[in-house]
C-alpha atoms as a PDB file:
ATOM      1  CA  MET A   1      23.450 -49.624 -12.391  1.00  0.00           C
ATOM      2  CA  ILE A   2      21.882 -46.268 -11.037  1.00  0.00           C
ATOM      3  CA  ARG A   3      18.952 -46.337  -8.450  1.00  0.00           C
ATOM      4  CA  SER A   4      16.961 -44.079  -7.419  1.00  0.00           C
ATOM      5  CA  ILE A   5      15.217 -44.008  -4.102  1.00  0.00           C
ATOM      6  CA  PRO A   6      11.788 -43.348  -4.623  1.00  0.00           C
ATOM      7  CA  PRO A   7      10.604 -39.890  -2.598  1.00  0.00           C
ATOM      8  CA  VAL A   8       8.248 -40.354   0.502  1.00  0.00           C
ATOM      9  CA  THR A   9       5.385 -38.192   1.153  1.00  0.00           C
ATOM     10  CA  MET A  10       4.417 -37.404   4.177  1.00  0.00           C
ATOM     11  CA  LEU A  11       1.308 -39.600   3.971  1.00  0.00           C
ATOM     12  CA  ASP A  12       4.326 -42.808   3.423  1.00  0.00           C
ATOM     13  CA  ALA A  13       5.914 -41.344   6.960  1.00  0.00           C
ATOM     14  CA  ALA A  14       2.743 -41.173   8.661  1.00  0.00           C
ATOM     15  CA  ARG A  15       1.726 -44.881   7.517  1.00  0.00           C
ATOM     16  CA  SER A  16       4.875 -46.348   8.451  1.00  0.00           C
ATOM     17  CA  GLN A  17       5.067 -44.344  11.554  1.00  0.00           C
ATOM     18  CA  ASP A  18       1.574 -46.031  12.531  1.00  0.00           C
ATOM     19  CA  LYS A  19       2.951 -49.595  11.864  1.00  0.00           C
ATOM     20  CA  LEU A  20       5.921 -49.441  13.707  1.00  0.00           C
ATOM     21  CA  SER A  21       4.918 -47.475  16.659  1.00  0.00           C
ATOM     22  CA  PRO A  22       3.978 -48.896  20.078  1.00  0.00           C
ATOM     23  CA  GLU A  23       1.609 -46.502  21.107  1.00  0.00           C
ATOM     24  CA  PRO A  24      -1.706 -47.254  22.069  1.00  0.00           C
ATOM     25  CA  THR A  25      -2.525 -43.718  20.471  1.00  0.00           C
ATOM     26  CA  GLY A  26      -2.262 -44.977  17.073  1.00  0.00           C
ATOM     27  CA  GLY A  27       1.038 -44.022  16.637  1.00  0.00           C
ATOM     28  CA  ARG A  28       1.002 -39.979  17.243  1.00  0.00           C
ATOM     29  CA  GLY A  29       5.127 -39.875  17.418  1.00  0.00           C
ATOM     30  CA  PHE A  30       7.490 -37.224  16.435  1.00  0.00           C
ATOM     31  CA  LEU A  31       5.410 -37.075  12.750  1.00  0.00           C
ATOM     32  CA  LYS A  32       2.352 -36.431  12.652  1.00  0.00           C
ATOM     33  CA  LYS A  33      -0.412 -37.060   9.872  1.00  0.00           C
ATOM     34  CA  PRO A  34      -0.795 -33.872   7.763  1.00  0.00           C
ATOM     35  CA  ARG A  35      -3.912 -31.518   8.952  1.00  0.00           C
ATOM     36  CA  ASN A  36      -6.508 -29.852   7.084  1.00  0.00           C
ATOM     37  CA  TRP A  37      -6.048 -26.555   7.362  1.00  0.00           C
ATOM     38  CA  ARG A  38      -9.229 -24.273   7.582  1.00  0.00           C
ATOM     39  CA  PHE A  39      -9.073 -20.145   7.843  1.00  0.00           C
ATOM     40  CA  GLN A  40     -11.381 -18.507   9.863  1.00  0.00           C
ATOM     41  CA  THR A  41     -10.532 -14.913   8.114  1.00  0.00           C
ATOM     42  CA  LYS A  42     -10.942 -13.713   4.772  1.00  0.00           C
ATOM     43  CA  PRO A  43      -7.918 -11.166   3.515  1.00  0.00           C
ATOM     44  CA  LEU A  44      -9.426  -7.724   3.729  1.00  0.00           C
ATOM     45  CA  PHE A  45      -8.697  -5.371   0.722  1.00  0.00           C
ATOM     46  CA  LYS A  46      -9.789  -1.985   0.707  1.00  0.00           C
ATOM     47  CA  LYS A  47     -11.155  -0.592  -2.646  1.00  0.00           C
ATOM     48  CA  ILE A  48      -9.628   3.102  -3.492  1.00  0.00           C
ATOM     49  CA  ARG A  49     -11.861   5.745  -4.570  1.00  0.00           C
ATOM     50  CA  GLY A  50      -9.949   8.027  -5.116  1.00  0.00           C
ATOM     51  CA  PRO A  51      -6.001   8.899  -5.975  1.00  0.00           C
ATOM     52  CA  LEU A  52      -3.498   9.152  -2.297  1.00  0.00           C
ATOM     53  CA  VAL A  53      -2.961  12.192  -0.780  1.00  0.00           C
ATOM     54  CA  ASP A  54      -0.223  13.057   1.527  1.00  0.00           C
ATOM     55  CA  VAL A  55       0.061  16.338   3.230  1.00  0.00           C
ATOM     56  CA  PHE A  56       3.872  16.672   5.230  1.00  0.00           C
ATOM     57  CA  HIS A  57       4.136  19.609   7.752  1.00  0.00           C
ATOM     58  CA  GLU A  58       7.950  19.888   8.247  1.00  0.00           C
ATOM     59  CA  ALA A  59      10.560  22.374   9.721  1.00  0.00           C
ATOM     60  CA  GLU A  60      10.944  24.957   6.595  1.00  0.00           C
ATOM     61  CA  GLU A  61       8.132  24.146   3.906  1.00  0.00           C
ATOM     62  CA  VAL A  62       4.808  21.960   3.225  1.00  0.00           C
ATOM     63  CA  LEU A  63       4.851  19.252   1.040  1.00  0.00           C
ATOM     64  CA  ILE A  64       1.809  17.827  -0.411  1.00  0.00           C
ATOM     65  CA  VAL A  65       2.129  14.635  -2.548  1.00  0.00           C
ATOM     66  CA  VAL A  66      -0.410  13.213  -4.851  1.00  0.00           C
ATOM     67  CA  ASP A  67      -0.777   9.988  -6.768  1.00  0.00           C
ATOM     68  CA  LEU A  68      -2.356  10.507  -9.785  1.00  0.00           C
ATOM     69  CA  GLY A  69      -1.292   7.449 -11.812  1.00  0.00           C
ATOM     70  CA  GLY A  70      -3.137   7.148 -14.880  1.00  0.00           C
ATOM     71  CA  PHE A  71      -3.547  10.852 -15.453  1.00  0.00           C
ATOM     72  CA  ARG A  72      -1.623  13.219 -17.360  1.00  0.00           C
ATOM     73  CA  ARG A  73      -0.145  16.953 -16.999  1.00  0.00           C
ATOM     74  CA  GLY A  74      -3.540  18.422 -18.933  1.00  0.00           C
ATOM     75  CA  ASP A  75      -5.913  15.884 -16.961  1.00  0.00           C
ATOM     76  CA  VAL A  76      -4.951  18.275 -13.961  1.00  0.00           C
ATOM     77  CA  SER A  77      -5.801  21.701 -13.458  1.00  0.00           C
ATOM     78  CA  LEU A  78      -4.262  23.334  -9.741  1.00  0.00           C
ATOM     79  CA  THR A  79      -6.099  26.626  -8.153  1.00  0.00           C
ATOM     80  CA  MET A  80      -4.698  27.965  -4.955  1.00  0.00           C
ATOM     81  CA  THR A  81      -6.342  30.169  -2.128  1.00  0.00           C
ATOM     82  CA  PRO A  82      -4.341  31.994   0.955  1.00  0.00           C
ATOM     83  CA  GLU A  83      -6.706  29.226   2.781  1.00  0.00           C
ATOM     84  CA  LYS A  84      -6.983  25.904   0.514  1.00  0.00           C
ATOM     85  CA  TYR A  85      -5.018  24.555  -2.340  1.00  0.00           C
ATOM     86  CA  SER A  86      -7.548  22.932  -5.182  1.00  0.00           C
ATOM     87  CA  ILE A  87      -6.807  19.796  -7.123  1.00  0.00           C
ATOM     88  CA  CYS A  88      -9.169  18.835 -10.100  1.00  0.00           C
ATOM     89  CA  ALA A  89      -8.393  15.554 -12.506  1.00  0.00           C
ATOM     90  CA  ARG A  90     -10.707  14.518 -15.602  1.00  0.00           C
ATOM     91  CA  ARG A  91      -9.867  12.247 -18.162  1.00  0.00           C
ATOM     92  CA  GLY A  92     -12.636  10.643 -19.852  1.00  0.00           C
ATOM     93  CA  ASP A  93     -14.752   9.282 -17.643  1.00  0.00           C
ATOM     94  CA  GLN A  94     -12.479   9.252 -14.571  1.00  0.00           C
ATOM     95  CA  LYS A  95     -13.172  12.508 -11.964  1.00  0.00           C
ATOM     96  CA  PHE A  96     -11.220  13.863  -8.844  1.00  0.00           C
ATOM     97  CA  ARG A  97     -11.504  16.629  -6.913  1.00  0.00           C
ATOM     98  CA  GLN A  98      -9.329  17.166  -3.655  1.00  0.00           C
ATOM     99  CA  GLU A  99      -8.964  20.489  -1.540  1.00  0.00           C
ATOM    100  CA  ILE A 100      -6.750  20.742   1.130  1.00  0.00           C
ATOM    101  CA  ALA A 101      -6.668  23.316   3.986  1.00  0.00           C
ATOM    102  CA  LEU A 102      -3.238  24.902   4.235  1.00  0.00           C
ATOM    103  CA  PRO A 103      -1.733  26.394   7.065  1.00  0.00           C
ATOM    104  CA  PRO A 104      -1.520  30.092   7.658  1.00  0.00           C
ATOM    105  CA  GLU A 105       2.038  30.629   7.286  1.00  0.00           C
ATOM    106  CA  VAL A 106       3.096  29.374   4.314  1.00  0.00           C
ATOM    107  CA  ASP A 107       4.123  31.569   1.473  1.00  0.00           C
ATOM    108  CA  ILE A 108       1.856  30.602  -1.739  1.00  0.00           C
ATOM    109  CA  GLU A 109       3.457  33.444  -3.785  1.00  0.00           C
ATOM    110  CA  ASN A 110       6.857  31.076  -4.142  1.00  0.00           C
ATOM    111  CA  CYS A 111       5.680  27.431  -4.121  1.00  0.00           C
ATOM    112  CA  ALA A 112       6.790  24.924  -6.732  1.00  0.00           C
ATOM    113  CA  GLU A 113       4.878  22.228  -8.553  1.00  0.00           C
ATOM    114  CA  TYR A 114       6.556  19.194  -9.857  1.00  0.00           C
ATOM    115  CA  PHE A 115       4.457  16.461 -11.627  1.00  0.00           C
ATOM    116  CA  ARG A 116       6.447  13.309 -12.468  1.00  0.00           C
ATOM    117  CA  ASN A 117       5.762   9.753 -13.540  1.00  0.00           C
ATOM    118  CA  GLY A 118       2.256  10.468 -12.354  1.00  0.00           C
ATOM    119  CA  VAL A 119       3.481  11.923  -9.047  1.00  0.00           C
ATOM    120  CA  LEU A 120       2.680  15.272  -8.644  1.00  0.00           C
ATOM    121  CA  GLU A 121       4.323  17.151  -5.610  1.00  0.00           C
ATOM    122  CA  ILE A 122       3.662  20.393  -4.329  1.00  0.00           C
ATOM    123  CA  VAL A 123       6.235  22.298  -2.602  1.00  0.00           C
ATOM    124  CA  LEU A 124       5.138  25.605  -0.060  1.00  0.00           C
ATOM    125  CA  PRO A 125       7.633  27.488   1.719  1.00  0.00           C
ATOM    126  CA  ARG A 126       7.304  28.842   5.276  1.00  0.00           C
ATOM    127  CA  LYS A 127       7.127  32.369   5.678  1.00  0.00           C
ATOM    128  CA  LYS A 128      10.372  33.265   7.266  1.00  0.00           C
ATOM    129  CA  ASP A 129       8.645  35.931   9.598  1.00  0.00           C
ATOM    130  CA  SER A 130       6.435  33.001  11.231  1.00  0.00           C
ATOM    131  CA  PRO A 131       8.057  31.367  14.280  1.00  0.00           C
END
């Protein structure tokens, strides 16, 4: 015949500790009664209003990464001048416009743009004669 041992909960362990303990403090030895936890702060979640834009200034190039999740290639239009790079995206009622200031030593003639899986990567090489 197989017998099973009933599980012991924390409340059962605390009760048995109170009965067996000769301490005058109510049996608060090694096993304490479970606490009711109360949290003082609430988690903070920031609401993102538009796609995230990262600009990396590296030694040989400037890399711009834009997260355009939900937009397709036809929804995005790009405009470049020597001073700034403009990204406009429109899909239904969603609109996004971002202007990124470019450093003066980038070569805007030899830029490369990649749009994969909703992520736009723009690679702007630096001019050869810049220090």
